[in-house]
Amino acid sequence: MKILDTVIIGIDIMLFVYFYNIGVNATDMTTRLIACAAMTFEVYFIRKHIKIMKKLNVAKNKNITKDK
């Protein structure tokens, strides 16, 4: 599961960089605003994924300690 989580976060970071390059190289304001919104969503998705991973690790650790 850790490999899949790493791949998902890597893809999100690549998309963030892609939207950043589009926003920086764009000349019209509409494209820049859309790229900014897309970058904001990517940061949100990364943070949400990390929070979910932490919750799963905490639940897994609690389950392991109960078994001992």
N, C-alpha and C. Protein backbone atom coordinates (compact mmCIF):
# COMPACT_ATOMS: atom_id res chain seq x y z
N MET A 1 0.82 -1.19 0.00
CA MET A 1 0.00 0.00 0.00
C MET A 1 0.86 1.26 0.00
N LYS A 2 2.03 1.18 0.62
CA LYS A 2 2.91 2.35 0.67
C LYS A 2 3.38 2.76 -0.72
N ILE A 3 3.63 1.78 -1.59
CA ILE A 3 4.09 2.10 -2.94
C ILE A 3 2.99 2.84 -3.70
N LEU A 4 1.76 2.39 -3.56
CA LEU A 4 0.64 3.04 -4.23
C LEU A 4 0.45 4.46 -3.70
N ASP A 5 0.59 4.65 -2.40
CA ASP A 5 0.48 5.99 -1.81
C ASP A 5 1.56 6.91 -2.35
N THR A 6 2.76 6.39 -2.47
CA THR A 6 3.87 7.19 -3.01
C THR A 6 3.62 7.57 -4.46
N VAL A 7 3.09 6.65 -5.24
CA VAL A 7 2.79 6.93 -6.65
C VAL A 7 1.71 8.00 -6.75
N ILE A 8 0.68 7.90 -5.92
CA ILE A 8 -0.41 8.89 -5.97
C ILE A 8 0.10 10.28 -5.61
N ILE A 9 0.90 10.38 -4.56
CA ILE A 9 1.45 11.68 -4.17
C ILE A 9 2.40 12.19 -5.25
N GLY A 10 3.18 11.32 -5.85
CA GLY A 10 4.07 11.73 -6.95
C GLY A 10 3.31 12.28 -8.13
N ILE A 11 2.21 11.63 -8.49
CA ILE A 11 1.38 12.12 -9.60
C ILE A 11 0.79 13.47 -9.25
N ASP A 12 0.33 13.64 -8.01
CA ASP A 12 -0.23 14.93 -7.59
C ASP A 12 0.83 16.03 -7.66
N ILE A 13 2.04 15.72 -7.26
CA ILE A 13 3.11 16.73 -7.33
C ILE A 13 3.44 17.07 -8.78
N MET A 14 3.47 16.06 -9.65
CA MET A 14 3.72 16.33 -11.07
C MET A 14 2.62 17.20 -11.67
N LEU A 15 1.36 16.93 -11.31
CA LEU A 15 0.26 17.76 -11.79
C LEU A 15 0.37 19.18 -11.27
N PHE A 16 0.80 19.34 -10.01
CA PHE A 16 0.99 20.67 -9.45
C PHE A 16 2.03 21.45 -10.25
N VAL A 17 3.15 20.80 -10.54
CA VAL A 17 4.22 21.45 -11.32
C VAL A 17 3.72 21.78 -12.72
N TYR A 18 2.95 20.88 -13.32
CA TYR A 18 2.40 21.12 -14.66
C TYR A 18 1.49 22.34 -14.66
N PHE A 19 0.57 22.42 -13.70
CA PHE A 19 -0.33 23.57 -13.64
C PHE A 19 0.42 24.85 -13.30
N TYR A 20 1.49 24.73 -12.50
CA TYR A 20 2.31 25.90 -12.20
C TYR A 20 2.95 26.44 -13.47
N ASN A 21 3.51 25.55 -14.28
CA ASN A 21 4.14 25.99 -15.53
C ASN A 21 3.13 26.61 -16.48
N ILE A 22 1.93 26.06 -16.53
CA ILE A 22 0.89 26.65 -17.38
C ILE A 22 0.54 28.04 -16.87
N GLY A 23 0.38 28.17 -15.55
CA GLY A 23 0.02 29.47 -14.97
C GLY A 23 1.09 30.52 -15.18
N VAL A 24 2.35 30.13 -15.07
CA VAL A 24 3.44 31.09 -15.23
C VAL A 24 3.59 31.51 -16.69
N ASN A 25 3.42 30.57 -17.61
CA ASN A 25 3.63 30.87 -19.02
C ASN A 25 2.40 31.44 -19.72
N ALA A 26 1.26 31.48 -19.04
CA ALA A 26 0.03 31.98 -19.68
C ALA A 26 0.06 33.51 -19.74
N THR A 27 -0.58 34.02 -20.77
CA THR A 27 -0.64 35.47 -20.92
C THR A 27 -1.99 36.04 -20.48
N ASP A 28 -3.06 35.26 -20.58
CA ASP A 28 -4.36 35.79 -20.19
C ASP A 28 -4.68 35.42 -18.74
N MET A 29 -5.48 36.26 -18.10
CA MET A 29 -5.77 36.09 -16.68
C MET A 29 -6.65 34.88 -16.41
N THR A 30 -7.54 34.53 -17.34
CA THR A 30 -8.44 33.40 -17.13
C THR A 30 -7.65 32.10 -16.97
N THR A 31 -6.69 31.89 -17.84
CA THR A 31 -5.87 30.68 -17.76
C THR A 31 -5.08 30.64 -16.46
N ARG A 32 -4.58 31.80 -16.04
CA ARG A 32 -3.83 31.85 -14.79
C ARG A 32 -4.71 31.52 -13.59
N LEU A 33 -5.94 32.04 -13.59
CA LEU A 33 -6.85 31.76 -12.48
C LEU A 33 -7.24 30.28 -12.43
N ILE A 34 -7.48 29.69 -13.59
CA ILE A 34 -7.83 28.27 -13.63
C ILE A 34 -6.64 27.43 -13.17
N ALA A 35 -5.44 27.79 -13.60
CA ALA A 35 -4.24 27.06 -13.16
C ALA A 35 -4.03 27.21 -11.65
N CYS A 36 -4.32 28.39 -11.12
CA CYS A 36 -4.20 28.62 -9.68
C CYS A 36 -5.20 27.76 -8.92
N ALA A 37 -6.43 27.68 -9.42
CA ALA A 37 -7.44 26.84 -8.78
C ALA A 37 -7.02 25.37 -8.84
N ALA A 38 -6.47 24.94 -9.97
CA ALA A 38 -6.03 23.55 -10.11
C ALA A 38 -4.89 23.24 -9.14
N MET A 39 -3.96 24.19 -8.97
CA MET A 39 -2.86 23.98 -8.02
C MET A 39 -3.40 23.90 -6.59
N THR A 40 -4.39 24.74 -6.28
CA THR A 40 -4.99 24.71 -4.95
C THR A 40 -5.63 23.36 -4.67
N PHE A 41 -6.35 22.83 -5.66
CA PHE A 41 -6.98 21.52 -5.49
C PHE A 41 -5.93 20.42 -5.34
N GLU A 42 -4.84 20.52 -6.08
CA GLU A 42 -3.78 19.51 -5.95
C GLU A 42 -3.17 19.51 -4.55
N VAL A 43 -2.93 20.70 -4.00
CA VAL A 43 -2.41 20.79 -2.64
C VAL A 43 -3.42 20.20 -1.66
N TYR A 44 -4.71 20.49 -1.88
CA TYR A 44 -5.77 19.94 -1.03
C TYR A 44 -5.77 18.41 -1.09
N PHE A 45 -5.66 17.86 -2.30
CA PHE A 45 -5.66 16.40 -2.45
C PHE A 45 -4.45 15.77 -1.78
N ILE A 46 -3.28 16.40 -1.90
CA ILE A 46 -2.07 15.88 -1.26
C ILE A 46 -2.24 15.86 0.26
N ARG A 47 -2.72 16.99 0.81
CA ARG A 47 -2.91 17.06 2.26
C ARG A 47 -3.94 16.05 2.75
N LYS A 48 -5.02 15.91 1.99
CA LYS A 48 -6.06 14.96 2.39
C LYS A 48 -5.53 13.52 2.35
N HIS A 49 -4.76 13.20 1.33
CA HIS A 49 -4.20 11.85 1.21
C HIS A 49 -3.24 11.56 2.37
N ILE A 50 -2.42 12.53 2.73
CA ILE A 50 -1.48 12.35 3.84
C ILE A 50 -2.24 12.15 5.15
N LYS A 51 -3.32 12.92 5.36
CA LYS A 51 -4.13 12.74 6.57
C LYS A 51 -4.75 11.36 6.62
N ILE A 52 -5.24 10.87 5.50
CA ILE A 52 -5.83 9.53 5.46
C ILE A 52 -4.77 8.48 5.77
N MET A 53 -3.57 8.65 5.21
CA MET A 53 -2.49 7.70 5.48
C MET A 53 -2.15 7.68 6.97
N LYS A 54 -2.10 8.87 7.61
CA LYS A 54 -1.79 8.93 9.03
C LYS A 54 -2.86 8.24 9.86
N LYS A 55 -4.14 8.47 9.51
CA LYS A 55 -5.23 7.82 10.24
C LYS A 55 -5.15 6.31 10.12
N LEU A 56 -4.84 5.82 8.92
CA LEU A 56 -4.73 4.38 8.74
C LEU A 56 -3.57 3.80 9.53
N ASN A 57 -2.45 4.52 9.58
CA ASN A 57 -1.30 4.04 10.36
C ASN A 57 -1.61 4.02 11.85
N VAL A 58 -2.32 5.04 12.34
CA VAL A 58 -2.67 5.08 13.76
C VAL A 58 -3.62 3.93 14.09
N ALA A 59 -4.62 3.72 13.23
CA ALA A 59 -5.57 2.62 13.46
C ALA A 59 -4.86 1.27 13.39
N LYS A 60 -3.92 1.15 12.47
CA LYS A 60 -3.17 -0.10 12.34
C LYS A 60 -2.31 -0.34 13.58
N ASN A 61 -1.67 0.71 14.07
CA ASN A 61 -0.83 0.58 15.27
C ASN A 61 -1.67 0.24 16.50
N LYS A 62 -2.85 0.83 16.62
CA LYS A 62 -3.72 0.52 17.76
C LYS A 62 -4.18 -0.93 17.68
N ASN A 63 -4.47 -1.40 16.48
CA ASN A 63 -4.91 -2.78 16.30
C ASN A 63 -3.79 -3.75 16.64
N ILE A 64 -2.58 -3.42 16.29
CA ILE A 64 -1.43 -4.28 16.58
C ILE A 64 -1.20 -4.36 18.09
N THR A 65 -1.32 -3.22 18.78
CA THR A 65 -1.08 -3.23 20.23
C THR A 65 -2.19 -3.97 20.97
N LYS A 66 -3.40 -3.97 20.45
CA LYS A 66 -4.49 -4.71 21.10
C LYS A 66 -4.26 -6.21 21.00
N ASP A 67 -3.67 -6.64 19.89
CA ASP A 67 -3.43 -8.07 19.69
C ASP A 67 -2.35 -8.62 20.62
N LYS A 68 -1.43 -7.78 21.05
CA LYS A 68 -0.31 -8.26 21.88
C LYS A 68 -0.72 -8.50 23.28
